[in-house]
C-alpha atoms as a PDB file:
ATOM      1  CA  UNK A   1     112.598 186.941  90.694  1.00  0.00           C
ATOM      2  CA  UNK A   2     111.769 183.168  91.319  1.00  0.00           C
ATOM      3  CA  UNK A   3     113.057 180.620  88.873  1.00  0.00           C
ATOM      4  CA  UNK A   4     111.022 177.529  88.055  1.00  0.00           C
ATOM      5  CA  UNK A   5     113.436 174.530  88.858  1.00  0.00           C
ATOM      6  CA  UNK A   6     112.473 172.997  85.773  1.00  0.00           C
ATOM      7  CA  UNK A   7     113.447 175.409  83.473  1.00  0.00           C
ATOM      8  CA  UNK A   8     116.847 175.473  85.124  1.00  0.00           C
ATOM      9  CA  UNK A   9     116.980 171.646  84.962  1.00  0.00           C
ATOM     10  CA  UNK A  10     116.195 171.866  80.991  1.00  0.00           C
ATOM     11  CA  UNK A  11     118.454 174.486  80.489  1.00  0.00           C
ATOM     12  CA  UNK A  12     121.475 172.685  82.161  1.00  0.00           C
ATOM     13  CA  UNK A  13     120.541 169.511  79.855  1.00  0.00           C
ATOM     14  CA  UNK A  14     120.244 171.623  76.672  1.00  0.00           C
ATOM     15  CA  UNK A  15     123.865 173.205  77.496  1.00  0.00           C
ATOM     16  CA  UNK A  16     125.098 169.309  77.862  1.00  0.00           C
ATOM     17  CA  UNK A  17     123.320 168.250  74.851  1.00  0.00           C
ATOM     18  CA  UNK A  18     124.702 170.875  72.524  1.00  0.00           C
ATOM     19  CA  UNK A  19     128.182 171.781  74.088  1.00  0.00           C
ATOM     20  CA  UNK A  20     129.362 168.744  76.324  1.00  0.00           C
ATOM     21  CA  UNK A  21     129.894 166.445  73.339  1.00  0.00           C
ATOM     22  CA  UNK A  22     130.744 168.914  70.393  1.00  0.00           C
ATOM     23  CA  UNK A  23     134.158 169.745  68.944  1.00  0.00           C
ATOM     24  CA  UNK A  24     137.691 168.764  69.845  1.00  0.00           C
ATOM     25  CA  UNK A  25     138.351 167.340  72.926  1.00  0.00           C
ATOM     26  CA  UNK A  26     142.518 167.799  73.393  1.00  0.00           C
ATOM     27  CA  UNK A  27     143.592 169.369  76.698  1.00  0.00           C
ATOM     28  CA  UNK A  28     146.875 170.574  77.456  1.00  0.00           C
ATOM     29  CA  UNK A  29     148.036 169.185  80.967  1.00  0.00           C
ATOM     30  CA  UNK A  30     150.198 170.822  83.790  1.00  0.00           C
ATOM     31  CA  UNK A  31     153.307 169.383  82.084  1.00  0.00           C
ATOM     32  CA  UNK A  32     152.361 170.643  78.701  1.00  0.00           C
ATOM     33  CA  UNK A  33     151.509 167.330  77.318  1.00  0.00           C
ATOM     34  CA  UNK A  34     148.131 166.582  75.334  1.00  0.00           C
ATOM     35  CA  UNK A  35     145.637 164.604  76.374  1.00  0.00           C
ATOM     36  CA  UNK A  36     141.891 163.496  75.061  1.00  0.00           C
ATOM     37  CA  UNK A  37     139.451 164.546  77.491  1.00  0.00           C
ATOM     38  CA  UNK A  38     137.238 162.039  79.382  1.00  0.00           C
ATOM     39  CA  UNK A  39     133.521 161.681  78.582  1.00  0.00           C
ATOM     40  CA  UNK A  40     130.623 163.273  80.378  1.00  0.00           C
ATOM     41  CA  UNK A  41     128.411 160.506  82.297  1.00  0.00           C
ATOM     42  CA  UNK A  42     126.347 160.080  79.358  1.00  0.00           C
ATOM     43  CA  UNK A  43     125.740 157.105  77.550  1.00  0.00           C
ATOM     44  CA  UNK A  44     126.917 158.339  74.059  1.00  0.00           C
ATOM     45  CA  UNK A  45     130.908 158.564  74.361  1.00  0.00           C
ATOM     46  CA  UNK A  46     133.961 156.199  74.844  1.00  0.00           C
ATOM     47  CA  UNK A  47     137.031 157.240  75.865  1.00  0.00           C
ATOM     48  CA  UNK A  48     140.377 155.552  77.034  1.00  0.00           C
ATOM     49  CA  UNK A  49     140.525 158.381  79.485  1.00  0.00           C
ATOM     50  CA  UNK A  50     136.777 157.694  80.707  1.00  0.00           C
ATOM     51  CA  UNK A  51     136.496 157.133  84.730  1.00  0.00           C
ATOM     52  CA  UNK A  52     133.007 155.505  84.324  1.00  0.00           C
ATOM     53  CA  UNK A  53     133.042 151.764  83.363  1.00  0.00           C
ATOM     54  CA  UNK A  54     130.447 152.178  80.383  1.00  0.00           C
ATOM     55  CA  UNK A  55     132.225 154.899  79.067  1.00  0.00           C
ATOM     56  CA  UNK A  56     135.897 153.442  79.132  1.00  0.00           C
ATOM     57  CA  UNK A  57     137.580 151.425  76.468  1.00  0.00           C
ATOM     58  CA  UNK A  58     141.415 150.509  76.457  1.00  0.00           C
ATOM     59  CA  UNK A  59     143.988 152.565  74.874  1.00  0.00           C
ATOM     60  CA  UNK A  60     145.670 151.308  71.760  1.00  0.00           C
ATOM     61  CA  UNK A  61     148.835 149.571  72.798  1.00  0.00           C
ATOM     62  CA  UNK A  62     151.653 149.728  70.042  1.00  0.00           C
ATOM     63  CA  UNK A  63     152.829 146.440  68.721  1.00  0.00           C
ATOM     64  CA  UNK A  64     155.732 148.473  66.239  1.00  0.00           C
ATOM     65  CA  UNK A  65     157.332 151.917  66.443  1.00  0.00           C
ATOM     66  CA  UNK A  66     155.332 154.949  66.235  1.00  0.00           C
ATOM     67  CA  UNK A  67     156.651 155.976  62.952  1.00  0.00           C
ATOM     68  CA  UNK A  68     155.639 152.626  61.443  1.00  0.00           C
ATOM     69  CA  UNK A  69     152.156 152.798  63.161  1.00  0.00           C
ATOM     70  CA  UNK A  70     150.666 156.093  62.623  1.00  0.00           C
ATOM     71  CA  UNK A  71     150.492 156.082  58.567  1.00  0.00           C
ATOM     72  CA  UNK A  72     148.389 152.865  59.311  1.00  0.00           C
ATOM     73  CA  UNK A  73     146.406 154.218  61.633  1.00  0.00           C
ATOM     74  CA  UNK A  74     145.371 157.061  59.642  1.00  0.00           C
ATOM     75  CA  UNK A  75     144.437 154.933  56.797  1.00  0.00           C
ATOM     76  CA  UNK A  76     142.208 152.650  58.709  1.00  0.00           C
ATOM     77  CA  UNK A  77     140.275 155.914  60.031  1.00  0.00           C
ATOM     78  CA  UNK A  78     139.978 157.102  56.417  1.00  0.00           C
ATOM     79  CA  UNK A  79     138.562 153.671  55.685  1.00  0.00           C
ATOM     80  CA  UNK A  80     135.948 154.009  58.108  1.00  0.00           C
ATOM     81  CA  UNK A  81     132.576 154.130  56.114  1.00  0.00           C
ATOM     82  CA  UNK A  82     131.221 157.802  55.968  1.00  0.00           C
ATOM     83  CA  UNK A  83     134.060 158.806  57.929  1.00  0.00           C
ATOM     84  CA  UNK A  84     135.924 161.855  56.948  1.00  0.00           C
ATOM     85  CA  UNK A  85     139.412 163.106  58.594  1.00  0.00           C
ATOM     86  CA  UNK A  86     138.711 167.153  59.345  1.00  0.00           C
ATOM     87  CA  UNK A  87     142.147 167.441  61.241  1.00  0.00           C
ATOM     88  CA  UNK A  88     145.311 165.727  61.529  1.00  0.00           C
ATOM     89  CA  UNK A  89     149.052 166.172  62.324  1.00  0.00           C
ATOM     90  CA  UNK A  90     151.979 163.952  63.538  1.00  0.00           C
ATOM     91  CA  UNK A  91     150.099 163.032  66.808  1.00  0.00           C
ATOM     92  CA  UNK A  92     146.416 163.673  66.578  1.00  0.00           C
ATOM     93  CA  UNK A  93     143.800 162.608  64.304  1.00  0.00           C
ATOM     94  CA  UNK A  94     140.059 163.996  64.191  1.00  0.00           C
ATOM     95  CA  UNK A  95     137.563 162.662  62.014  1.00  0.00           C
ATOM     96  CA  UNK A  96     133.772 163.112  61.683  1.00  0.00           C
ATOM     97  CA  UNK A  97     131.787 160.293  61.279  1.00  0.00           C
ATOM     98  CA  UNK A  98     128.129 160.426  59.598  1.00  0.00           C
ATOM     99  CA  UNK A  99     125.296 158.135  60.353  1.00  0.00           C
ATOM    100  CA  UNK A 100     124.011 156.099  57.648  1.00  0.00           C
ATOM    101  CA  UNK A 101     120.347 157.187  57.589  1.00  0.00           C
ATOM    102  CA  UNK A 102     119.988 160.746  59.244  1.00  0.00           C
ATOM    103  CA  UNK A 103     123.698 161.805  59.102  1.00  0.00           C
ATOM    104  CA  UNK A 104     124.263 162.513  62.578  1.00  0.00           C
ATOM    105  CA  UNK A 105     127.785 163.374  63.274  1.00  0.00           C
ATOM    106  CA  UNK A 106     130.237 161.789  65.661  1.00  0.00           C
ATOM    107  CA  UNK A 107     133.754 162.644  66.585  1.00  0.00           C
ATOM    108  CA  UNK A 108     136.272 160.220  66.383  1.00  0.00           C
ATOM    109  CA  UNK A 109     139.750 161.194  67.919  1.00  0.00           C
ATOM    110  CA  UNK A 110     143.149 159.619  68.510  1.00  0.00           C
ATOM    111  CA  UNK A 111     146.036 160.998  69.967  1.00  0.00           C
ATOM    112  CA  UNK A 112     149.541 159.454  69.991  1.00  0.00           C
ATOM    113  CA  UNK A 113     151.647 159.727  72.985  1.00  0.00           C
ATOM    114  CA  UNK A 114     155.247 160.403  71.870  1.00  0.00           C
ATOM    115  CA  UNK A 115     157.112 159.251  75.183  1.00  0.00           C
ATOM    116  CA  UNK A 116     154.828 156.158  75.593  1.00  0.00           C
ATOM    117  CA  UNK A 117     153.889 153.592  73.339  1.00  0.00           C
ATOM    118  CA  UNK A 118     150.102 153.810  73.165  1.00  0.00           C
ATOM    119  CA  UNK A 119     147.149 155.599  71.273  1.00  0.00           C
ATOM    120  CA  UNK A 120     144.393 157.360  73.357  1.00  0.00           C
ATOM    121  CA  UNK A 121     141.149 156.927  71.621  1.00  0.00           C
ATOM    122  CA  UNK A 122     137.612 158.726  72.018  1.00  0.00           C
ATOM    123  CA  UNK A 123     134.598 158.680  70.163  1.00  0.00           C
ATOM    124  CA  UNK A 124     131.502 160.642  70.990  1.00  0.00           C
ATOM    125  CA  UNK A 125     128.162 161.342  69.490  1.00  0.00           C
ATOM    126  CA  UNK A 126     127.961 165.263  68.600  1.00  0.00           C
ATOM    127  CA  UNK A 127     124.184 165.867  69.489  1.00  0.00           C
ATOM    128  CA  UNK A 128     122.636 162.506  70.524  1.00  0.00           C
ATOM    129  CA  UNK A 129     122.500 161.340  74.465  1.00  0.00           C
ATOM    130  CA  UNK A 130     122.191 157.849  73.632  1.00  0.00           C
ATOM    131  CA  UNK A 131     123.903 156.460  70.584  1.00  0.00           C
ATOM    132  CA  UNK A 132     122.795 152.914  70.937  1.00  0.00           C
ATOM    133  CA  UNK A 133     126.466 151.542  71.102  1.00  0.00           C
ATOM    134  CA  UNK A 134     127.575 152.944  67.997  1.00  0.00           C
ATOM    135  CA  UNK A 135     130.865 154.662  69.391  1.00  0.00           C
ATOM    136  CA  UNK A 136     131.745 151.591  71.320  1.00  0.00           C
ATOM    137  CA  UNK A 137     131.347 149.392  67.943  1.00  0.00           C
ATOM    138  CA  UNK A 138     133.465 152.006  66.044  1.00  0.00           C
ATOM    139  CA  UNK A 139     136.203 151.807  68.505  1.00  0.00           C
ATOM    140  CA  UNK A 140     136.182 148.017  68.893  1.00  0.00           C
ATOM    141  CA  UNK A 141     135.834 147.782  64.732  1.00  0.00           C
ATOM    142  CA  UNK A 142     139.010 149.989  64.571  1.00  0.00           C
ATOM    143  CA  UNK A 143     140.879 148.199  67.323  1.00  0.00           C
ATOM    144  CA  UNK A 144     140.208 144.772  65.682  1.00  0.00           C
ATOM    145  CA  UNK A 145     141.320 146.176  62.434  1.00  0.00           C
ATOM    146  CA  UNK A 146     144.645 147.245  63.520  1.00  0.00           C
ATOM    147  CA  UNK A 147     145.329 144.263  65.535  1.00  0.00           C
ATOM    148  CA  UNK A 148     144.736 142.358  62.185  1.00  0.00           C
ATOM    149  CA  UNK A 149     147.399 144.628  60.507  1.00  0.00           C
ATOM    150  CA  UNK A 150     149.674 143.929  63.380  1.00  0.00           C
ATOM    151  CA  UNK A 151     150.062 147.680  64.637  1.00  0.00           C
ATOM    152  CA  UNK A 152     148.741 147.270  68.172  1.00  0.00           C
ATOM    153  CA  UNK A 153     148.423 144.468  70.514  1.00  0.00           C
ATOM    154  CA  UNK A 154     145.504 142.961  71.698  1.00  0.00           C
END
């Protein structure tokens, strides 16, 4: 049975569209440590683990100890307009951020690395392929706020 190549391409794009950007993006590495996933090569995601220049942002380098920094980071994430923390523990925060008009969902994730002095960050659109820079802006704004509070370095 011969398949139309256009149907296969649309099916693949649809799978990326619905599954590539959804949900929690934490992976367990070979040494049992946790890491945030990178981004698919789409312009709807930024991550400190991304390998493409337009998806990459720097991790948050701590200026204070982890125990002092984490509650301030959590408070800053909770203070983002239309954001709701849906999962958290002593090293990980997952927040859903809703757009103002259409209430599209973006995932914001932060992962504290216990042996190192930095926080990985990832912000991605749940459904959209283009985010018009919203995820990059969100991470930049969060970084700016945490720098002003003296929690992370510039």
